[in-house]
Amino acid sequence: MFRISKEFHFSASHRLDHLAPDHQCARLHGHNYIVVVELAAADLNADGFVRDYHELAPLKALLDDQFDHRHLNDVLDVPSTAENLARHLYEWCRARWPETSAVRVSETPKTWAEYRP
């Protein structure tokens, strides 16, 4: 199995409104997010790629246009956790690139959430 990944960055705010009011994540705060999309294939295409990295530019455009410097509570229809964001971006990527095997989202240098069906 061949695997490739590409990293993207954006900054956004959010609140986890469903948590107790004294929970730090219930307060308005922001993160410098890192998103990693992973694609996998048993075989390479005629060019020797799982997929050309250039073809992943629409994900950068999506993140820049709809997520960067936005309030994620206004963007997502579910609580704006890293886990839900990873699943949302996985589904978006998988609809465009069937080789998508996982999406990872980091809110801090020490934390990651991954969605991999």
PDB file of N, CA and C in Angstrom:
ATOM      1  N   MET A   1       0.858  -1.186   0.000  1.00  0.00           N
ATOM      2  CA  MET A   1       0.000   0.000   0.000  1.00  0.00           C
ATOM      3  C   MET A   1       0.895   1.237   0.000  1.00  0.00           C
ATOM      4  N   PHE A   2       0.597   2.154  -0.890  1.00  0.00           N
ATOM      5  CA  PHE A   2       1.289   3.437  -0.932  1.00  0.00           C
ATOM      6  C   PHE A   2       0.445   4.467  -0.186  1.00  0.00           C
ATOM      7  N   ARG A   3       1.095   5.327   0.582  1.00  0.00           N
ATOM      8  CA  ARG A   3       0.404   6.398   1.308  1.00  0.00           C
ATOM      9  C   ARG A   3       1.138   7.705   1.080  1.00  0.00           C
ATOM     10  N   ILE A   4       0.368   8.764   0.835  1.00  0.00           N
ATOM     11  CA  ILE A   4       0.922  10.105   0.763  1.00  0.00           C
ATOM     12  C   ILE A   4       0.110  10.992   1.704  1.00  0.00           C
ATOM     13  N   SER A   5       0.683  12.103   2.087  1.00  0.00           N
ATOM     14  CA  SER A   5      -0.066  13.064   2.899  1.00  0.00           C
ATOM     15  C   SER A   5       0.405  14.467   2.554  1.00  0.00           C
ATOM     16  N   LYS A   6      -0.473  15.412   2.827  1.00  0.00           N
ATOM     17  CA  LYS A   6      -0.156  16.819   2.620  1.00  0.00           C
ATOM     18  C   LYS A   6      -0.737  17.606   3.778  1.00  0.00           C
ATOM     19  N   GLU A   7       0.031  18.609   4.218  1.00  0.00           N
ATOM     20  CA  GLU A   7      -0.333  19.411   5.383  1.00  0.00           C
ATOM     21  C   GLU A   7      -0.826  20.782   4.948  1.00  0.00           C
ATOM     22  N   PHE A   8      -1.859  21.253   5.647  1.00  0.00           N
ATOM     23  CA  PHE A   8      -2.454  22.563   5.394  1.00  0.00           C
ATOM     24  C   PHE A   8      -2.616  23.281   6.729  1.00  0.00           C
ATOM     25  N   HIS A   9      -2.669  24.616   6.697  1.00  0.00           N
ATOM     26  CA  HIS A   9      -2.785  25.407   7.930  1.00  0.00           C
ATOM     27  C   HIS A   9      -3.883  26.448   7.798  1.00  0.00           C
ATOM     28  N   PHE A  10      -4.566  26.720   8.906  1.00  0.00           N
ATOM     29  CA  PHE A  10      -5.492  27.851   8.978  1.00  0.00           C
ATOM     30  C   PHE A  10      -5.681  28.224  10.445  1.00  0.00           C
ATOM     31  N   SER A  11      -6.178  29.416  10.681  1.00  0.00           N
ATOM     32  CA  SER A  11      -6.459  29.905  12.034  1.00  0.00           C
ATOM     33  C   SER A  11      -7.944  30.194  12.149  1.00  0.00           C
ATOM     34  N   ALA A  12      -8.520  29.830  13.301  1.00  0.00           N
ATOM     35  CA  ALA A  12      -9.953  30.048  13.493  1.00  0.00           C
ATOM     36  C   ALA A  12     -10.267  30.056  14.982  1.00  0.00           C
ATOM     37  N   SER A  13     -11.437  30.615  15.292  1.00  0.00           N
ATOM     38  CA  SER A  13     -11.933  30.595  16.665  1.00  0.00           C
ATOM     39  C   SER A  13     -13.080  29.599  16.771  1.00  0.00           C
ATOM     40  N   HIS A  14     -13.409  29.242  18.008  1.00  0.00           N
ATOM     41  CA  HIS A  14     -14.594  28.419  18.258  1.00  0.00           C
ATOM     42  C   HIS A  14     -14.880  28.408  19.755  1.00  0.00           C
ATOM     43  N   ARG A  15     -16.037  27.883  20.077  1.00  0.00           N
ATOM     44  CA  ARG A  15     -16.469  27.638  21.452  1.00  0.00           C
ATOM     45  C   ARG A  15     -17.164  26.293  21.464  1.00  0.00           C
ATOM     46  N   LEU A  16     -16.949  25.540  22.515  1.00  0.00           N
ATOM     47  CA  LEU A  16     -17.679  24.284  22.665  1.00  0.00           C
ATOM     48  C   LEU A  16     -18.826  24.550  23.630  1.00  0.00           C
ATOM     49  N   ASP A  17     -19.908  25.071  23.066  1.00  0.00           N
ATOM     50  CA  ASP A  17     -21.066  25.533  23.839  1.00  0.00           C
ATOM     51  C   ASP A  17     -21.745  24.436  24.648  1.00  0.00           C
ATOM     52  N   HIS A  18     -21.582  23.189  24.244  1.00  0.00           N
ATOM     53  CA  HIS A  18     -22.259  22.094  24.931  1.00  0.00           C
ATOM     54  C   HIS A  18     -21.557  21.694  26.237  1.00  0.00           C
ATOM     55  N   LEU A  19     -20.368  22.229  26.500  1.00  0.00           N
ATOM     56  CA  LEU A  19     -19.644  21.907  27.727  1.00  0.00           C
ATOM     57  C   LEU A  19     -20.095  22.802  28.875  1.00  0.00           C
ATOM     58  N   ALA A  20     -19.772  22.396  30.078  1.00  0.00           N
ATOM     59  CA  ALA A  20     -20.121  23.190  31.265  1.00  0.00           C
ATOM     60  C   ALA A  20     -19.497  24.583  31.151  1.00  0.00           C
ATOM     61  N   PRO A  21     -20.190  25.611  31.623  1.00  0.00           N
ATOM     62  CA  PRO A  21     -19.694  26.982  31.491  1.00  0.00           C
ATOM     63  C   PRO A  21     -18.308  27.207  32.099  1.00  0.00           C
ATOM     64  N   ASP A  22     -17.922  26.409  33.092  1.00  0.00           N
ATOM     65  CA  ASP A  22     -16.607  26.596  33.700  1.00  0.00           C
ATOM     66  C   ASP A  22     -15.495  25.824  32.973  1.00  0.00           C
ATOM     67  N   HIS A  23     -15.836  25.084  31.924  1.00  0.00           N
ATOM     68  CA  HIS A  23     -14.821  24.367  31.136  1.00  0.00           C
ATOM     69  C   HIS A  23     -14.110  25.375  30.243  1.00  0.00           C
ATOM     70  N   GLN A  24     -12.783  25.324  30.201  1.00  0.00           N
ATOM     71  CA  GLN A  24     -12.028  26.314  29.427  1.00  0.00           C
ATOM     72  C   GLN A  24     -12.399  26.320  27.940  1.00  0.00           C
ATOM     73  N   CYS A  25     -12.799  25.196  27.397  1.00  0.00           N
ATOM     74  CA  CYS A  25     -13.148  25.147  25.974  1.00  0.00           C
ATOM     75  C   CYS A  25     -14.542  25.687  25.685  1.00  0.00           C
ATOM     76  N   ALA A  26     -15.318  25.952  26.739  1.00  0.00           N
ATOM     77  CA  ALA A  26     -16.628  26.580  26.545  1.00  0.00           C
ATOM     78  C   ALA A  26     -16.477  28.071  26.281  1.00  0.00           C
ATOM     79  N   ARG A  27     -15.318  28.620  26.635  1.00  0.00           N
ATOM     80  CA  ARG A  27     -15.055  30.041  26.390  1.00  0.00           C
ATOM     81  C   ARG A  27     -14.577  30.231  24.953  1.00  0.00           C
ATOM     82  N   LEU A  28     -14.813  31.393  24.413  1.00  0.00           N
ATOM     83  CA  LEU A  28     -14.317  31.741  23.075  1.00  0.00           C
ATOM     84  C   LEU A  28     -12.796  31.674  23.078  1.00  0.00           C
ATOM     85  N   HIS A  29     -12.254  30.945  22.124  1.00  0.00           N
ATOM     86  CA  HIS A  29     -10.800  30.834  21.989  1.00  0.00           C
ATOM     87  C   HIS A  29     -10.461  30.452  20.557  1.00  0.00           C
ATOM     88  N   GLY A  30      -9.199  30.469  20.225  1.00  0.00           N
ATOM     89  CA  GLY A  30      -8.788  30.161  18.863  1.00  0.00           C
ATOM     90  C   GLY A  30      -7.596  29.234  18.817  1.00  0.00           C
ATOM     91  N   HIS A  31      -7.357  28.719  17.619  1.00  0.00           N
ATOM     92  CA  HIS A  31      -6.240  27.807  17.387  1.00  0.00           C
ATOM     93  C   HIS A  31      -5.614  28.117  16.038  1.00  0.00           C
ATOM     94  N   ASN A  32      -4.355  27.740  15.908  1.00  0.00           N
ATOM     95  CA  ASN A  32      -3.683  27.669  14.616  1.00  0.00           C
ATOM     96  C   ASN A  32      -3.739  26.196  14.211  1.00  0.00           C
ATOM     97  N   TYR A  33      -4.714  25.876  13.390  1.00  0.00           N
ATOM     98  CA  TYR A  33      -4.994  24.487  13.032  1.00  0.00           C
ATOM     99  C   TYR A  33      -4.001  23.975  11.997  1.00  0.00           C
ATOM    100  N   ILE A  34      -3.700  22.696  12.125  1.00  0.00           N
ATOM    101  CA  ILE A  34      -2.960  21.963  11.098  1.00  0.00           C
ATOM    102  C   ILE A  34      -3.857  20.817  10.652  1.00  0.00           C
ATOM    103  N   VAL A  35      -4.037  20.698   9.350  1.00  0.00           N
ATOM    104  CA  VAL A  35      -4.838  19.625   8.768  1.00  0.00           C
ATOM    105  C   VAL A  35      -3.916  18.800   7.876  1.00  0.00           C
ATOM    106  N   VAL A  36      -3.940  17.497   8.060  1.00  0.00           N
ATOM    107  CA  VAL A  36      -3.173  16.590   7.209  1.00  0.00           C
ATOM    108  C   VAL A  36      -4.150  15.643   6.545  1.00  0.00           C
ATOM    109  N   VAL A  37      -4.137  15.637   5.221  1.00  0.00           N
ATOM    110  CA  VAL A  37      -4.966  14.692   4.475  1.00  0.00           C
ATOM    111  C   VAL A  37      -4.049  13.571   3.997  1.00  0.00           C
ATOM    112  N   GLU A  38      -4.519  12.340   4.165  1.00  0.00           N
ATOM    113  CA  GLU A  38      -3.754  11.161   3.755  1.00  0.00           C
ATOM    114  C   GLU A  38      -4.523  10.439   2.657  1.00  0.00           C
ATOM    115  N   LEU A  39      -3.807  10.031   1.623  1.00  0.00           N
ATOM    116  CA  LEU A  39      -4.393   9.252   0.538  1.00  0.00           C
ATOM    117  C   LEU A  39      -3.603   7.962   0.397  1.00  0.00           C
ATOM    118  N   ALA A  40      -4.284   6.873   0.048  1.00  0.00           N
ATOM    119  CA  ALA A  40      -3.639   5.574  -0.052  1.00  0.00           C
ATOM    120  C   ALA A  40      -4.133   4.839  -1.290  1.00  0.00           C
ATOM    121  N   ALA A  41      -3.242   4.057  -1.860  1.00  0.00           N
ATOM    122  CA  ALA A  41      -3.604   3.238  -3.022  1.00  0.00           C
ATOM    123  C   ALA A  41      -2.689   2.022  -3.078  1.00  0.00           C
ATOM    124  N   ALA A  42      -3.242   0.927  -3.538  1.00  0.00           N
ATOM    125  CA  ALA A  42      -2.448  -0.284  -3.695  1.00  0.00           C
ATOM    126  C   ALA A  42      -1.484  -0.158  -4.865  1.00  0.00           C
ATOM    127  N   ASP A  43      -1.894   0.593  -5.873  1.00  0.00           N
ATOM    128  CA  ASP A  43      -1.081   0.768  -7.070  1.00  0.00           C
ATOM    129  C   ASP A  43      -0.933   2.247  -7.375  1.00  0.00           C
ATOM    130  N   LEU A  44       0.116   2.578  -8.084  1.00  0.00           N
ATOM    131  CA  LEU A  44       0.345   3.958  -8.503  1.00  0.00           C
ATOM    132  C   LEU A  44      -0.288   4.202  -9.858  1.00  0.00           C
ATOM    133  N   ASN A  45      -0.627   5.457 -10.131  1.00  0.00           N
ATOM    134  CA  ASN A  45      -1.196   5.792 -11.436  1.00  0.00           C
ATOM    135  C   ASN A  45      -0.095   5.797 -12.499  1.00  0.00           C
ATOM    136  N   ALA A  46      -0.436   6.107 -13.726  1.00  0.00           N
ATOM    137  CA  ALA A  46       0.515   6.064 -14.838  1.00  0.00           C
ATOM    138  C   ALA A  46       1.695   7.016 -14.640  1.00  0.00           C
ATOM    139  N   ASP A  47       1.512   8.049 -13.821  1.00  0.00           N
ATOM    140  CA  ASP A  47       2.589   9.006 -13.550  1.00  0.00           C
ATOM    141  C   ASP A  47       3.447   8.591 -12.361  1.00  0.00           C
ATOM    142  N   GLY A  48       3.112   7.473 -11.719  1.00  0.00           N
ATOM    143  CA  GLY A  48       3.874   7.004 -10.571  1.00  0.00           C
ATOM    144  C   GLY A  48       3.435   7.625  -9.256  1.00  0.00           C
ATOM    145  N   PHE A  49       2.209   8.162  -9.213  1.00  0.00           N
ATOM    146  CA  PHE A  49       1.676   8.816  -8.019  1.00  0.00           C
ATOM    147  C   PHE A  49       0.498   8.042  -7.450  1.00  0.00           C
ATOM    148  N   VAL A  50       0.256   8.211  -6.141  1.00  0.00           N
ATOM    149  CA  VAL A  50      -1.055   7.888  -5.589  1.00  0.00           C
ATOM    150  C   VAL A  50      -2.026   8.913  -6.154  1.00  0.00           C
ATOM    151  N   ARG A  51      -1.652  10.175  -6.040  1.00  0.00           N
ATOM    152  CA  ARG A  51      -2.350  11.308  -6.660  1.00  0.00           C
ATOM    153  C   ARG A  51      -1.354  12.454  -6.669  1.00  0.00           C
ATOM    154  N   ASP A  52      -1.366  13.247  -7.731  1.00  0.00           N
ATOM    155  CA  ASP A  52      -0.493  14.416  -7.828  1.00  0.00           C
ATOM    156  C   ASP A  52      -0.858  15.407  -6.722  1.00  0.00           C
ATOM    157  N   TYR A  53       0.114  15.832  -5.926  1.00  0.00           N
ATOM    158  CA  TYR A  53      -0.153  16.785  -4.845  1.00  0.00           C
ATOM    159  C   TYR A  53      -0.841  18.050  -5.351  1.00  0.00           C
ATOM    160  N   HIS A  54      -0.541  18.439  -6.558  1.00  0.00           N
ATOM    161  CA  HIS A  54      -1.158  19.644  -7.128  1.00  0.00           C
ATOM    162  C   HIS A  54      -2.683  19.529  -7.174  1.00  0.00           C
ATOM    163  N   GLU A  55      -3.180  18.308  -7.327  1.00  0.00           N
ATOM    164  CA  GLU A  55      -4.626  18.094  -7.390  1.00  0.00           C
ATOM    165  C   GLU A  55      -5.324  18.345  -6.055  1.00  0.00           C
ATOM    166  N   LEU A  56      -4.556  18.496  -4.972  1.00  0.00           N
ATOM    167  CA  LEU A  56      -5.133  18.752  -3.655  1.00  0.00           C
ATOM    168  C   LEU A  56      -5.349  20.241  -3.393  1.00  0.00           C
ATOM    169  N   ALA A  57      -5.039  21.085  -4.365  1.00  0.00           N
ATOM    170  CA  ALA A  57      -5.226  22.531  -4.210  1.00  0.00           C
ATOM    171  C   ALA A  57      -6.652  22.929  -3.822  1.00  0.00           C
ATOM    172  N   PRO A  58      -7.689  22.234  -4.270  1.00  0.00           N
ATOM    173  CA  PRO A  58      -9.041  22.617  -3.823  1.00  0.00           C
ATOM    174  C   PRO A  58      -9.234  22.547  -2.307  1.00  0.00           C
ATOM    175  N   LEU A  59      -8.500  21.669  -1.616  1.00  0.00           N
ATOM    176  CA  LEU A  59      -8.608  21.634  -0.160  1.00  0.00           C
ATOM    177  C   LEU A  59      -8.032  22.906   0.442  1.00  0.00           C
ATOM    178  N   LYS A  60      -6.916  23.364  -0.075  1.00  0.00           N
ATOM    179  CA  LYS A  60      -6.351  24.632   0.400  1.00  0.00           C
ATOM    180  C   LYS A  60      -7.330  25.770   0.151  1.00  0.00           C
ATOM    181  N   ALA A  61      -7.953  25.786  -1.008  1.00  0.00           N
ATOM    182  CA  ALA A  61      -8.932  26.834  -1.321  1.00  0.00           C
ATOM    183  C   ALA A  61     -10.121  26.767  -0.355  1.00  0.00           C
ATOM    184  N   LEU A  62     -10.614  25.572  -0.063  1.00  0.00           N
ATOM    185  CA  LEU A  62     -11.718  25.423   0.882  1.00  0.00           C
ATOM    186  C   LEU A  62     -11.323  25.964   2.250  1.00  0.00           C
ATOM    187  N   LEU A  63     -10.169  25.554   2.744  1.00  0.00           N
ATOM    188  CA  LEU A  63      -9.731  26.002   4.068  1.00  0.00           C
ATOM    189  C   LEU A  63      -9.538  27.520   4.093  1.00  0.00           C
ATOM    190  N   ASP A  64      -8.936  28.069   3.054  1.00  0.00           N
ATOM    191  CA  ASP A  64      -8.723  29.521   2.991  1.00  0.00           C
ATOM    192  C   ASP A  64     -10.042  30.283   2.919  1.00  0.00           C
ATOM    193  N   ASP A  65     -10.971  29.788   2.129  1.00  0.00           N
ATOM    194  CA  ASP A  65     -12.224  30.519   1.880  1.00  0.00           C
ATOM    195  C   ASP A  65     -13.273  30.330   2.975  1.00  0.00           C
ATOM    196  N   GLN A  66     -13.371  29.121   3.532  1.00  0.00           N
ATOM    197  CA  GLN A  66     -14.477  28.828   4.440  1.00  0.00           C
ATOM    198  C   GLN A  66     -14.093  28.623   5.899  1.00  0.00           C
ATOM    199  N   PHE A  67     -12.801  28.446   6.180  1.00  0.00           N
ATOM    200  CA  PHE A  67     -12.389  28.152   7.550  1.00  0.00           C
ATOM    201  C   PHE A  67     -11.414  29.172   8.125  1.00  0.00           C
ATOM    202  N   ASP A  68     -10.490  29.671   7.315  1.00  0.00           N
ATOM    203  CA  ASP A  68      -9.445  30.546   7.834  1.00  0.00           C
ATOM    204  C   ASP A  68     -10.018  31.860   8.353  1.00  0.00           C
ATOM    205  N   HIS A  69      -9.636  32.203   9.570  1.00  0.00           N
ATOM    206  CA  HIS A  69     -10.095  33.421  10.249  1.00  0.00           C
ATOM    207  C   HIS A  69     -11.619  33.503  10.306  1.00  0.00           C
ATOM    208  N   ARG A  70     -12.230  32.346  10.567  1.00  0.00           N
ATOM    209  CA  ARG A  70     -13.682  32.239  10.757  1.00  0.00           C
ATOM    210  C   ARG A  70     -13.952  31.717  12.162  1.00  0.00           C
ATOM    211  N   HIS A  71     -15.198  31.822  12.561  1.00  0.00           N
ATOM    212  CA  HIS A  71     -15.656  31.232  13.818  1.00  0.00           C
ATOM    213  C   HIS A  71     -16.277  29.888  13.459  1.00  0.00           C
ATOM    214  N   LEU A  72     -15.653  28.805  13.867  1.00  0.00           N
ATOM    215  CA  LEU A  72     -16.065  27.477  13.414  1.00  0.00           C
ATOM    216  C   LEU A  72     -17.481  27.109  13.824  1.00  0.00           C
ATOM    217  N   ASN A  73     -18.001  27.705  14.890  1.00  0.00           N
ATOM    218  CA  ASN A  73     -19.389  27.453  15.269  1.00  0.00           C
ATOM    219  C   ASN A  73     -20.348  27.920  14.178  1.00  0.00           C
ATOM    220  N   ASP A  74     -19.923  28.874  13.366  1.00  0.00           N
ATOM    221  CA  ASP A  74     -20.736  29.375  12.257  1.00  0.00           C
ATOM    222  C   ASP A  74     -20.533  28.562  10.984  1.00  0.00           C
ATOM    223  N   VAL A  75     -19.523  27.713  10.950  1.00  0.00           N
ATOM    224  CA  VAL A  75     -19.171  26.954   9.743  1.00  0.00           C
ATOM    225  C   VAL A  75     -19.690  25.518   9.809  1.00  0.00           C
ATOM    226  N   LEU A  76     -19.556  24.884  10.969  1.00  0.00           N
ATOM    227  CA  LEU A  76     -19.936  23.479  11.127  1.00  0.00           C
ATOM    228  C   LEU A  76     -21.333  23.348  11.717  1.00  0.00           C
ATOM    229  N   ASP A  77     -22.035  22.282  11.353  1.00  0.00           N
ATOM    230  CA  ASP A  77     -23.372  22.004  11.881  1.00  0.00           C
ATOM    231  C   ASP A  77     -23.329  21.086  13.101  1.00  0.00           C
ATOM    232  N   VAL A  78     -22.140  20.771  13.566  1.00  0.00           N
ATOM    233  CA  VAL A  78     -21.930  19.913  14.730  1.00  0.00           C
ATOM    234  C   VAL A  78     -20.984  20.649  15.676  1.00  0.00           C
ATOM    235  N   PRO A  79     -20.833  20.197  16.916  1.00  0.00           N
ATOM    236  CA  PRO A  79     -19.870  20.858  17.798  1.00  0.00           C
ATOM    237  C   PRO A  79     -18.494  20.925  17.131  1.00  0.00           C
ATOM    238  N   SER A  80     -17.844  22.052  17.278  1.00  0.00           N
ATOM    239  CA  SER A  80     -16.616  22.335  16.529  1.00  0.00           C
ATOM    240  C   SER A  80     -15.374  21.726  17.183  1.00  0.00           C
ATOM    241  N   THR A  81     -15.459  20.439  17.497  1.00  0.00           N
ATOM    242  CA  THR A  81     -14.300  19.725  18.036  1.00  0.00           C
ATOM    243  C   THR A  81     -13.351  19.362  16.900  1.00  0.00           C
ATOM    244  N   ALA A  82     -12.119  19.074  17.251  1.00  0.00           N
ATOM    245  CA  ALA A  82     -11.152  18.627  16.244  1.00  0.00           C
ATOM    246  C   ALA A  82     -11.610  17.321  15.605  1.00  0.00           C
ATOM    247  N   GLU A  83     -12.263  16.461  16.395  1.00  0.00           N
ATOM    248  CA  GLU A  83     -12.749  15.183  15.872  1.00  0.00           C
ATOM    249  C   GLU A  83     -13.813  15.406  14.799  1.00  0.00           C
ATOM    250  N   ASN A  84     -14.773  16.286  15.078  1.00  0.00           N
ATOM    251  CA  ASN A  84     -15.823  16.564  14.088  1.00  0.00           C
ATOM    252  C   ASN A  84     -15.262  17.271  12.865  1.00  0.00           C
ATOM    253  N   LEU A  85     -14.293  18.141  13.066  1.00  0.00           N
ATOM    254  CA  LEU A  85     -13.666  18.818  11.933  1.00  0.00           C
ATOM    255  C   LEU A  85     -12.924  17.809  11.060  1.00  0.00           C
ATOM    256  N   ALA A  86     -12.228  16.862  11.676  1.00  0.00           N
ATOM    257  CA  ALA A  86     -11.523  15.832  10.906  1.00  0.00           C
ATOM    258  C   ALA A  86     -12.503  15.011  10.075  1.00  0.00           C
ATOM    259  N   ARG A  87     -13.635  14.624  10.671  1.00  0.00           N
ATOM    260  CA  ARG A  87     -14.629  13.845   9.916  1.00  0.00           C
ATOM    261  C   ARG A  87     -15.234  14.674   8.786  1.00  0.00           C
ATOM    262  N   HIS A  88     -15.563  15.930   9.051  1.00  0.00           N
ATOM    263  CA  HIS A  88     -16.129  16.812   8.035  1.00  0.00           C
ATOM    264  C   HIS A  88     -15.164  16.947   6.843  1.00  0.00           C
ATOM    265  N   LEU A  89     -13.905  17.197   7.129  1.00  0.00           N
ATOM    266  CA  LEU A  89     -12.926  17.366   6.048  1.00  0.00           C
ATOM    267  C   LEU A  89     -12.649  16.042   5.338  1.00  0.00           C
ATOM    268  N   TYR A  90     -12.660  14.930   6.071  1.00  0.00           N
ATOM    269  CA  TYR A  90     -12.507  13.625   5.431  1.00  0.00           C
ATOM    270  C   TYR A  90     -13.620  13.401   4.401  1.00  0.00           C
ATOM    271  N   GLU A  91     -14.848  13.652   4.807  1.00  0.00           N
ATOM    272  CA  GLU A  91     -15.975  13.427   3.894  1.00  0.00           C
ATOM    273  C   GLU A  91     -15.878  14.334   2.673  1.00  0.00           C
ATOM    274  N   TRP A  92     -15.465  15.582   2.864  1.00  0.00           N
ATOM    275  CA  TRP A  92     -15.292  16.506   1.742  1.00  0.00           C
ATOM    276  C   TRP A  92     -14.213  15.983   0.800  1.00  0.00           C
ATOM    277  N   CYS A  93     -13.086  15.554   1.364  1.00  0.00           N
ATOM    278  CA  CYS A  93     -11.979  15.049   0.545  1.00  0.00           C
ATOM    279  C   CYS A  93     -12.346  13.742  -0.153  1.00  0.00           C
ATOM    280  N   ARG A  94     -12.966  12.844   0.563  1.00  0.00           N
ATOM    281  CA  ARG A  94     -13.309  11.527   0.000  1.00  0.00           C
ATOM    282  C   ARG A  94     -14.261  11.657  -1.191  1.00  0.00           C
ATOM    283  N   ALA A  95     -15.150  12.656  -1.152  1.00  0.00           N
ATOM    284  CA  ALA A  95     -16.073  12.882  -2.271  1.00  0.00           C
ATOM    285  C   ALA A  95     -15.324  13.317  -3.532  1.00  0.00           C
ATOM    286  N   ARG A  96     -14.141  13.877  -3.383  1.00  0.00           N
ATOM    287  CA  ARG A  96     -13.350  14.355  -4.521  1.00  0.00           C
ATOM    288  C   ARG A  96     -12.233  13.405  -4.905  1.00  0.00           C
ATOM    289  N   TRP A  97     -11.634  12.758  -3.902  1.00  0.00           N
ATOM    290  CA  TRP A  97     -10.491  11.890  -4.121  1.00  0.00           C
ATOM    291  C   TRP A  97     -10.746  10.560  -3.418  1.00  0.00           C
ATOM    292  N   PRO A  98     -11.166   9.549  -4.148  1.00  0.00           N
ATOM    293  CA  PRO A  98     -11.518   8.265  -3.531  1.00  0.00           C
ATOM    294  C   PRO A  98     -10.365   7.623  -2.753  1.00  0.00           C
ATOM    295  N   GLU A  99      -9.142   8.042  -3.028  1.00  0.00           N
ATOM    296  CA  GLU A  99      -7.981   7.476  -2.332  1.00  0.00           C
ATOM    297  C   GLU A  99      -7.835   8.019  -0.909  1.00  0.00           C
ATOM    298  N   THR A 100      -8.651   9.001  -0.532  1.00  0.00           N
ATOM    299  CA  THR A 100      -8.542   9.582   0.806  1.00  0.00           C
ATOM    300  C   THR A 100      -8.745   8.487   1.849  1.00  0.00           C
ATOM    301  N   SER A 101      -7.767   8.348   2.738  1.00  0.00           N
ATOM    302  CA  SER A 101      -7.847   7.296   3.756  1.00  0.00           C
ATOM    303  C   SER A 101      -7.970   7.852   5.171  1.00  0.00           C
ATOM    304  N   ALA A 102      -7.575   9.111   5.386  1.00  0.00           N
ATOM    305  CA  ALA A 102      -7.683   9.696   6.730  1.00  0.00           C
ATOM    306  C   ALA A 102      -7.475  11.198   6.642  1.00  0.00           C
ATOM    307  N   VAL A 103      -7.997  11.884   7.643  1.00  0.00           N
ATOM    308  CA  VAL A 103      -7.704  13.307   7.845  1.00  0.00           C
ATOM    309  C   VAL A 103      -7.385  13.484   9.317  1.00  0.00           C
ATOM    310  N   ARG A 104      -6.283  14.201   9.581  1.00  0.00           N
ATOM    311  CA  ARG A 104      -5.860  14.524  10.945  1.00  0.00           C
ATOM    312  C   ARG A 104      -5.971  16.023  11.141  1.00  0.00           C
ATOM    313  N   VAL A 105      -6.373  16.423  12.346  1.00  0.00           N
ATOM    314  CA  VAL A 105      -6.499  17.842  12.689  1.00  0.00           C
ATOM    315  C   VAL A 105      -5.786  18.071  14.014  1.00  0.00           C
ATOM    316  N   SER A 106      -4.943  19.095  14.045  1.00  0.00           N
ATOM    317  CA  SER A 106      -4.261  19.492  15.270  1.00  0.00           C
ATOM    318  C   SER A 106      -4.705  20.889  15.656  1.00  0.00           C
ATOM    319  N   GLU A 107      -5.022  21.053  16.943  1.00  0.00           N
ATOM    320  CA  GLU A 107      -5.336  22.372  17.486  1.00  0.00           C
ATOM    321  C   GLU A 107      -4.142  22.964  18.224  1.00  0.00           C
ATOM    322  N   THR A 108      -3.291  22.105  18.743  1.00  0.00           N
ATOM    323  CA  THR A 108      -2.111  22.539  19.483  1.00  0.00           C
ATOM    324  C   THR A 108      -0.933  21.656  19.069  1.00  0.00           C
ATOM    325  N   PRO A 109       0.282  22.069  19.367  1.00  0.00           N
ATOM    326  CA  PRO A 109       1.443  21.242  18.983  1.00  0.00           C
ATOM    327  C   PRO A 109       1.448  19.842  19.600  1.00  0.00           C
ATOM    328  N   LYS A 110       0.667  19.629  20.656  1.00  0.00           N
ATOM    329  CA  LYS A 110       0.686  18.336  21.332  1.00  0.00           C
ATOM    330  C   LYS A 110      -0.570  17.501  21.150  1.00  0.00           C
ATOM    331  N   THR A 111      -1.546  17.992  20.376  1.00  0.00           N
ATOM    332  CA  THR A 111      -2.804  17.245  20.246  1.00  0.00           C
ATOM    333  C   THR A 111      -3.193  17.042  18.794  1.00  0.00           C
ATOM    334  N   TRP A 112      -3.721  15.862  18.514  1.00  0.00           N
ATOM    335  CA  TRP A 112      -4.208  15.507  17.184  1.00  0.00           C
ATOM    336  C   TRP A 112      -5.500  14.710  17.313  1.00  0.00           C
ATOM    337  N   ALA A 113      -6.399  14.936  16.357  1.00  0.00           N
ATOM    338  CA  ALA A 113      -7.584  14.087  16.208  1.00  0.00           C
ATOM    339  C   ALA A 113      -7.559  13.554  14.787  1.00  0.00           C
ATOM    340  N   GLU A 114      -7.931  12.308  14.619  1.00  0.00           N
ATOM    341  CA  GLU A 114      -7.900  11.688  13.290  1.00  0.00           C
ATOM    342  C   GLU A 114      -9.228  11.036  13.010  1.00  0.00           C
ATOM    343  N   TYR A 115      -9.695  11.188  11.760  1.00  0.00           N
ATOM    344  CA  TYR A 115     -10.851  10.417  11.304  1.00  0.00           C
ATOM    345  C   TYR A 115     -10.362   9.493  10.205  1.00  0.00           C
ATOM    346  N   ARG A 116     -10.557   8.206  10.434  1.00  0.00           N
ATOM    347  CA  ARG A 116     -10.169   7.158   9.490  1.00  0.00           C
ATOM    348  C   ARG A 116     -11.259   6.098   9.587  1.00  0.00           C
ATOM    349  N   PRO A 117     -12.105   5.988   8.577  1.00  0.00           N
ATOM    350  CA  PRO A 117     -13.192   4.991   8.687  1.00  0.00           C
ATOM    351  C   PRO A 117     -12.669   3.566   8.778  1.00  0.00           C
TER     352      PRO A 117
END
